[in-house]
Structures are given as structure tokens and as C-alpha cells.
Amino acid sequence: MPEERDISIPQSLYKRIQERIKGTGFSSVDEYVTYVLREVLSEDEAGEFTEEDEEKVRERLRSLGYLE
């Protein structure tokens, strides 16, 4: 298993994610956050990340509460 690190997020965001993942295949907030971050990073690493794509990701992260 890869080494893991702890990160902190606001409790209000944690609760929003808990609500969002109910009834999905995600078993925990950690699993969901890891998935979202991997998706964002893989798109960025693909080299096909346009300014429009970046703005879409920013909007999505705002809607999820990661950005203000």
C-alpha cells in the first residue's frame, strides 16, 4: 500500500462531501477526495489541458467547495 499523508479540510466541506457520496460507490470521504484529486492531476499531466478545461475544473472544484 502506498504511503499516505493526512490533510485537513474544513468540517463544513467534509460534511458536504459525506452528503454527496451517499448512495454512490464511494465508501469514504477520503476515497472520494483521492479520486477527485487524481482526476484533476491526470488531466493536467495528459498535456491536453486547455485554459477552457482549467476553468471547467475550477468551476467544478468551486461547486464542490474546494475553491472559494
PDB file of N, CA and C in Angstrom:
ATOM      1  N   MET A   1       0.850  -1.173   0.000  1.00  0.00           N
ATOM      2  CA  MET A   1       0.000   0.000   0.000  1.00  0.00           C
ATOM      3  C   MET A   1       0.900   1.242   0.000  1.00  0.00           C
ATOM      4  N   PRO A   2       0.573   2.233  -0.835  1.00  0.00           N
ATOM      5  CA  PRO A   2       1.394   3.450  -0.850  1.00  0.00           C
ATOM      6  C   PRO A   2       1.315   4.193   0.473  1.00  0.00           C
ATOM      7  N   GLU A   3       2.392   4.897   0.764  1.00  0.00           N
ATOM      8  CA  GLU A   3       2.405   5.705   1.982  1.00  0.00           C
ATOM      9  C   GLU A   3       1.344   6.790   1.871  1.00  0.00           C
ATOM     10  N   GLU A   4       0.661   7.055   2.960  1.00  0.00           N
ATOM     11  CA  GLU A   4      -0.406   8.056   2.963  1.00  0.00           C
ATOM     12  C   GLU A   4      -0.051   9.206   3.886  1.00  0.00           C
ATOM     13  N   ARG A   5      -0.644  10.353   3.607  1.00  0.00           N
ATOM     14  CA  ARG A   5      -0.485  11.556   4.418  1.00  0.00           C
ATOM     15  C   ARG A   5      -1.861  12.071   4.773  1.00  0.00           C
ATOM     16  N   ASP A   6      -1.949  12.717   5.913  1.00  0.00           N
ATOM     17  CA  ASP A   6      -3.201  13.342   6.329  1.00  0.00           C
ATOM     18  C   ASP A   6      -3.245  14.771   5.817  1.00  0.00           C
ATOM     19  N   ILE A   7      -4.432  15.206   5.424  1.00  0.00           N
ATOM     20  CA  ILE A   7      -4.653  16.605   5.083  1.00  0.00           C
ATOM     21  C   ILE A   7      -5.857  17.090   5.878  1.00  0.00           C
ATOM     22  N   SER A   8      -5.972  18.378   6.011  1.00  0.00           N
ATOM     23  CA  SER A   8      -7.103  18.952   6.749  1.00  0.00           C
ATOM     24  C   SER A   8      -7.999  19.719   5.802  1.00  0.00           C
ATOM     25  N   ILE A   9      -9.290  19.523   5.985  1.00  0.00           N
ATOM     26  CA  ILE A   9     -10.279  20.310   5.251  1.00  0.00           C
ATOM     27  C   ILE A   9     -11.286  20.811   6.276  1.00  0.00           C
ATOM     28  N   PRO A  10     -11.972  21.893   5.964  1.00  0.00           N
ATOM     29  CA  PRO A  10     -12.977  22.398   6.901  1.00  0.00           C
ATOM     30  C   PRO A  10     -14.070  21.360   7.164  1.00  0.00           C
ATOM     31  N   GLN A  11     -14.547  21.333   8.388  1.00  0.00           N
ATOM     32  CA  GLN A  11     -15.601  20.391   8.776  1.00  0.00           C
ATOM     33  C   GLN A  11     -16.837  20.547   7.894  1.00  0.00           C
ATOM     34  N   SER A  12     -17.166  21.785   7.542  1.00  0.00           N
ATOM     35  CA  SER A  12     -18.347  22.009   6.701  1.00  0.00           C
ATOM     36  C   SER A  12     -18.187  21.354   5.329  1.00  0.00           C
ATOM     37  N   LEU A  13     -16.985  21.399   4.786  1.00  0.00           N
ATOM     38  CA  LEU A  13     -16.724  20.757   3.499  1.00  0.00           C
ATOM     39  C   LEU A  13     -16.793  19.242   3.637  1.00  0.00           C
ATOM     40  N   TYR A  14     -16.238  18.725   4.715  1.00  0.00           N
ATOM     41  CA  TYR A  14     -16.277  17.287   4.978  1.00  0.00           C
ATOM     42  C   TYR A  14     -17.726  16.789   5.012  1.00  0.00           C
ATOM     43  N   LYS A  15     -18.579  17.536   5.694  1.00  0.00           N
ATOM     44  CA  LYS A  15     -19.990  17.156   5.798  1.00  0.00           C
ATOM     45  C   LYS A  15     -20.681  17.203   4.444  1.00  0.00           C
ATOM     46  N   ARG A  16     -20.340  18.218   3.625  1.00  0.00           N
ATOM     47  CA  ARG A  16     -20.925  18.309   2.279  1.00  0.00           C
ATOM     48  C   ARG A  16     -20.527  17.116   1.430  1.00  0.00           C
ATOM     49  N   ILE A  17     -19.265  16.695   1.549  1.00  0.00           N
ATOM     50  CA  ILE A  17     -18.805  15.536   0.790  1.00  0.00           C
ATOM     51  C   ILE A  17     -19.505  14.277   1.281  1.00  0.00           C
ATOM     52  N   GLN A  18     -19.667  14.140   2.589  1.00  0.00           N
ATOM     53  CA  GLN A  18     -20.392  12.986   3.130  1.00  0.00           C
ATOM     54  C   GLN A  18     -21.778  12.883   2.508  1.00  0.00           C
ATOM     55  N   GLU A  19     -22.462  14.014   2.413  1.00  0.00           N
ATOM     56  CA  GLU A  19     -23.803  14.019   1.819  1.00  0.00           C
ATOM     57  C   GLU A  19     -23.737  13.661   0.335  1.00  0.00           C
ATOM     58  N   ARG A  20     -22.750  14.189  -0.367  1.00  0.00           N
ATOM     59  CA  ARG A  20     -22.621  13.964  -1.804  1.00  0.00           C
ATOM     60  C   ARG A  20     -22.376  12.499  -2.135  1.00  0.00           C
ATOM     61  N   ILE A  21     -21.623  11.790  -1.301  1.00  0.00           N
ATOM     62  CA  ILE A  21     -21.257  10.419  -1.649  1.00  0.00           C
ATOM     63  C   ILE A  21     -22.286   9.377  -1.211  1.00  0.00           C
ATOM     64  N   LYS A  22     -23.314   9.804  -0.491  1.00  0.00           N
ATOM     65  CA  LYS A  22     -24.355   8.845  -0.098  1.00  0.00           C
ATOM     66  C   LYS A  22     -24.975   8.228  -1.343  1.00  0.00           C
ATOM     67  N   GLY A  23     -25.054   6.909  -1.346  1.00  0.00           N
ATOM     68  CA  GLY A  23     -25.663   6.209  -2.470  1.00  0.00           C
ATOM     69  C   GLY A  23     -24.753   6.059  -3.677  1.00  0.00           C
ATOM     70  N   THR A  24     -23.483   6.422  -3.533  1.00  0.00           N
ATOM     71  CA  THR A  24     -22.531   6.252  -4.629  1.00  0.00           C
ATOM     72  C   THR A  24     -21.625   5.070  -4.310  1.00  0.00           C
ATOM     73  N   GLY A  25     -20.678   4.819  -5.157  1.00  0.00           N
ATOM     74  CA  GLY A  25     -19.718   3.742  -4.932  1.00  0.00           C
ATOM     75  C   GLY A  25     -18.593   4.126  -3.997  1.00  0.00           C
ATOM     76  N   PHE A  26     -18.571   5.384  -3.560  1.00  0.00           N
ATOM     77  CA  PHE A  26     -17.507   5.827  -2.662  1.00  0.00           C
ATOM     78  C   PHE A  26     -17.844   5.412  -1.237  1.00  0.00           C
ATOM     79  N   SER A  27     -16.865   4.781  -0.572  1.00  0.00           N
ATOM     80  CA  SER A  27     -17.106   4.286   0.777  1.00  0.00           C
ATOM     81  C   SER A  27     -16.677   5.264   1.857  1.00  0.00           C
ATOM     82  N   SER A  28     -15.952   6.325   1.467  1.00  0.00           N
ATOM     83  CA  SER A  28     -15.494   7.288   2.463  1.00  0.00           C
ATOM     84  C   SER A  28     -15.175   8.622   1.803  1.00  0.00           C
ATOM     85  N   VAL A  29     -15.103   9.643   2.623  1.00  0.00           N
ATOM     86  CA  VAL A  29     -14.706  10.969   2.140  1.00  0.00           C
ATOM     87  C   VAL A  29     -13.281  10.900   1.600  1.00  0.00           C
ATOM     88  N   ASP A  30     -12.398  10.189   2.295  1.00  0.00           N
ATOM     89  CA  ASP A  30     -11.010  10.051   1.834  1.00  0.00           C
ATOM     90  C   ASP A  30     -10.951   9.463   0.427  1.00  0.00           C
ATOM     91  N   GLU A  31     -11.742   8.426   0.185  1.00  0.00           N
ATOM     92  CA  GLU A  31     -11.754   7.780  -1.126  1.00  0.00           C
ATOM     93  C   GLU A  31     -12.218   8.760  -2.208  1.00  0.00           C
ATOM     94  N   TYR A  32     -13.251   9.519  -1.908  1.00  0.00           N
ATOM     95  CA  TYR A  32     -13.785  10.477  -2.870  1.00  0.00           C
ATOM     96  C   TYR A  32     -12.780  11.588  -3.164  1.00  0.00           C
ATOM     97  N   VAL A  33     -12.180  12.161  -2.128  1.00  0.00           N
ATOM     98  CA  VAL A  33     -11.217  13.251  -2.319  1.00  0.00           C
ATOM     99  C   VAL A  33     -10.016  12.752  -3.107  1.00  0.00           C
ATOM    100  N   THR A  34      -9.545  11.548  -2.805  1.00  0.00           N
ATOM    101  CA  THR A  34      -8.430  10.974  -3.554  1.00  0.00           C
ATOM    102  C   THR A  34      -8.796  10.824  -5.021  1.00  0.00           C
ATOM    103  N   TYR A  35      -9.995  10.357  -5.297  1.00  0.00           N
ATOM    104  CA  TYR A  35     -10.463  10.205  -6.676  1.00  0.00           C
ATOM    105  C   TYR A  35     -10.480  11.549  -7.405  1.00  0.00           C
ATOM    106  N   VAL A  36     -11.062  12.554  -6.780  1.00  0.00           N
ATOM    107  CA  VAL A  36     -11.166  13.878  -7.412  1.00  0.00           C
ATOM    108  C   VAL A  36      -9.775  14.437  -7.702  1.00  0.00           C
ATOM    109  N   LEU A  37      -8.875  14.351  -6.747  1.00  0.00           N
ATOM    110  CA  LEU A  37      -7.533  14.883  -6.943  1.00  0.00           C
ATOM    111  C   LEU A  37      -6.776  14.122  -8.032  1.00  0.00           C
ATOM    112  N   ARG A  38      -6.931  12.813  -8.070  1.00  0.00           N
ATOM    113  CA  ARG A  38      -6.280  12.040  -9.142  1.00  0.00           C
ATOM    114  C   ARG A  38      -6.809  12.436 -10.509  1.00  0.00           C
ATOM    115  N   GLU A  39      -8.116  12.640 -10.609  1.00  0.00           N
ATOM    116  CA  GLU A  39      -8.711  13.056 -11.878  1.00  0.00           C
ATOM    117  C   GLU A  39      -8.153  14.401 -12.333  1.00  0.00           C
ATOM    118  N   VAL A  40      -8.099  15.347 -11.434  1.00  0.00           N
ATOM    119  CA  VAL A  40      -7.587  16.681 -11.774  1.00  0.00           C
ATOM    120  C   VAL A  40      -6.129  16.589 -12.206  1.00  0.00           C
ATOM    121  N   LEU A  41      -5.333  15.858 -11.459  1.00  0.00           N
ATOM    122  CA  LEU A  41      -3.913  15.742 -11.783  1.00  0.00           C
ATOM    123  C   LEU A  41      -3.680  14.966 -13.071  1.00  0.00           C
ATOM    124  N   SER A  42      -4.449  13.930 -13.324  1.00  0.00           N
ATOM    125  CA  SER A  42      -4.249  13.156 -14.549  1.00  0.00           C
ATOM    126  C   SER A  42      -4.613  13.970 -15.775  1.00  0.00           C
ATOM    127  N   GLU A  43      -5.628  14.801 -15.677  1.00  0.00           N
ATOM    128  CA  GLU A  43      -5.972  15.682 -16.791  1.00  0.00           C
ATOM    129  C   GLU A  43      -4.848  16.673 -17.042  1.00  0.00           C
ATOM    130  N   ASP A  44      -4.293  17.193 -15.983  1.00  0.00           N
ATOM    131  CA  ASP A  44      -3.202  18.158 -16.097  1.00  0.00           C
ATOM    132  C   ASP A  44      -1.968  17.499 -16.693  1.00  0.00           C
ATOM    133  N   GLU A  45      -1.655  16.287 -16.275  1.00  0.00           N
ATOM    134  CA  GLU A  45      -0.468  15.589 -16.743  1.00  0.00           C
ATOM    135  C   GLU A  45      -0.606  15.091 -18.172  1.00  0.00           C
ATOM    136  N   ALA A  46      -1.820  14.981 -18.665  1.00  0.00           N
ATOM    137  CA  ALA A  46      -2.043  14.492 -20.016  1.00  0.00           C
ATOM    138  C   ALA A  46      -1.535  15.472 -21.066  1.00  0.00           C
ATOM    139  N   GLY A  47      -1.300  16.703 -20.654  1.00  0.00           N
ATOM    140  CA  GLY A  47      -0.788  17.689 -21.592  1.00  0.00           C
ATOM    141  C   GLY A  47      -1.848  18.246 -22.524  1.00  0.00           C
ATOM    142  N   GLU A  48      -3.063  17.826 -22.346  1.00  0.00           N
ATOM    143  CA  GLU A  48      -4.160  18.279 -23.193  1.00  0.00           C
ATOM    144  C   GLU A  48      -5.090  19.190 -22.408  1.00  0.00           C
ATOM    145  N   PHE A  49      -4.546  19.910 -21.490  1.00  0.00           N
ATOM    146  CA  PHE A  49      -5.309  20.728 -20.563  1.00  0.00           C
ATOM    147  C   PHE A  49      -5.333  22.165 -21.076  1.00  0.00           C
ATOM    148  N   THR A  50      -6.443  22.555 -21.675  1.00  0.00           N
ATOM    149  CA  THR A  50      -6.557  23.902 -22.213  1.00  0.00           C
ATOM    150  C   THR A  50      -7.010  24.864 -21.122  1.00  0.00           C
ATOM    151  N   GLU A  51      -6.962  26.150 -21.423  1.00  0.00           N
ATOM    152  CA  GLU A  51      -7.456  27.142 -20.465  1.00  0.00           C
ATOM    153  C   GLU A  51      -8.935  26.908 -20.180  1.00  0.00           C
ATOM    154  N   GLU A  52      -9.670  26.519 -21.202  1.00  0.00           N
ATOM    155  CA  GLU A  52     -11.100  26.216 -21.028  1.00  0.00           C
ATOM    156  C   GLU A  52     -11.280  25.022 -20.086  1.00  0.00           C
ATOM    157  N   ASP A  53     -10.463  23.983 -20.262  1.00  0.00           N
ATOM    158  CA  ASP A  53     -10.518  22.825 -19.367  1.00  0.00           C
ATOM    159  C   ASP A  53     -10.198  23.238 -17.938  1.00  0.00           C
ATOM    160  N   GLU A  54      -9.180  24.068 -17.786  1.00  0.00           N
ATOM    161  CA  GLU A  54      -8.787  24.521 -16.455  1.00  0.00           C
ATOM    162  C   GLU A  54      -9.926  25.286 -15.783  1.00  0.00           C
ATOM    163  N   GLU A  55     -10.611  26.127 -16.536  1.00  0.00           N
ATOM    164  CA  GLU A  55     -11.724  26.888 -15.970  1.00  0.00           C
ATOM    165  C   GLU A  55     -12.869  25.956 -15.584  1.00  0.00           C
ATOM    166  N   LYS A  56     -13.124  24.928 -16.379  1.00  0.00           N
ATOM    167  CA  LYS A  56     -14.161  23.954 -16.045  1.00  0.00           C
ATOM    168  C   LYS A  56     -13.823  23.233 -14.744  1.00  0.00           C
ATOM    169  N   VAL A  57     -12.557  22.868 -14.578  1.00  0.00           N
ATOM    170  CA  VAL A  57     -12.139  22.195 -13.341  1.00  0.00           C
ATOM    171  C   VAL A  57     -12.294  23.140 -12.163  1.00  0.00           C
ATOM    172  N   ARG A  58     -11.894  24.401 -12.351  1.00  0.00           N
ATOM    173  CA  ARG A  58     -12.043  25.377 -11.274  1.00  0.00           C
ATOM    174  C   ARG A  58     -13.512  25.530 -10.876  1.00  0.00           C
ATOM    175  N   GLU A  59     -14.389  25.625 -11.873  1.00  0.00           N
ATOM    176  CA  GLU A  59     -15.818  25.751 -11.586  1.00  0.00           C
ATOM    177  C   GLU A  59     -16.326  24.524 -10.842  1.00  0.00           C
ATOM    178  N   ARG A  60     -15.871  23.352 -11.252  1.00  0.00           N
ATOM    179  CA  ARG A  60     -16.300  22.113 -10.591  1.00  0.00           C
ATOM    180  C   ARG A  60     -15.791  22.072  -9.148  1.00  0.00           C
ATOM    181  N   LEU A  61     -14.537  22.451  -8.944  1.00  0.00           N
ATOM    182  CA  LEU A  61     -13.980  22.466  -7.590  1.00  0.00           C
ATOM    183  C   LEU A  61     -14.694  23.491  -6.719  1.00  0.00           C
ATOM    184  N   ARG A  62     -15.078  24.628  -7.303  1.00  0.00           N
ATOM    185  CA  ARG A  62     -15.863  25.621  -6.551  1.00  0.00           C
ATOM    186  C   ARG A  62     -17.199  25.020  -6.131  1.00  0.00           C
ATOM    187  N   SER A  63     -17.852  24.338  -7.069  1.00  0.00           N
ATOM    188  CA  SER A  63     -19.162  23.754  -6.755  1.00  0.00           C
ATOM    189  C   SER A  63     -19.063  22.664  -5.699  1.00  0.00           C
ATOM    190  N   LEU A  64     -17.895  22.033  -5.599  1.00  0.00           N
ATOM    191  CA  LEU A  64     -17.676  21.013  -4.582  1.00  0.00           C
ATOM    192  C   LEU A  64     -17.179  21.588  -3.283  1.00  0.00           C
ATOM    193  N   GLY A  65     -16.899  22.891  -3.289  1.00  0.00           N
ATOM    194  CA  GLY A  65     -16.465  23.550  -2.072  1.00  0.00           C
ATOM    195  C   GLY A  65     -14.962  23.570  -1.849  1.00  0.00           C
ATOM    196  N   TYR A  66     -14.182  23.152  -2.842  1.00  0.00           N
ATOM    197  CA  TYR A  66     -12.725  23.143  -2.690  1.00  0.00           C
ATOM    198  C   TYR A  66     -12.120  24.521  -2.917  1.00  0.00           C
ATOM    199  N   LEU A  67     -12.776  25.329  -3.731  1.00  0.00           N
ATOM    200  CA  LEU A  67     -12.299  26.686  -4.015  1.00  0.00           C
ATOM    201  C   LEU A  67     -13.405  27.675  -3.662  1.00  0.00           C
ATOM    202  N   GLU A  68     -12.992  28.863  -3.306  1.00  0.00           N
ATOM    203  CA  GLU A  68     -13.981  29.913  -2.998  1.00  0.00           C
ATOM    204  C   GLU A  68     -14.102  30.851  -4.176  1.00  0.00           C
TER     205      GLU A  68
END
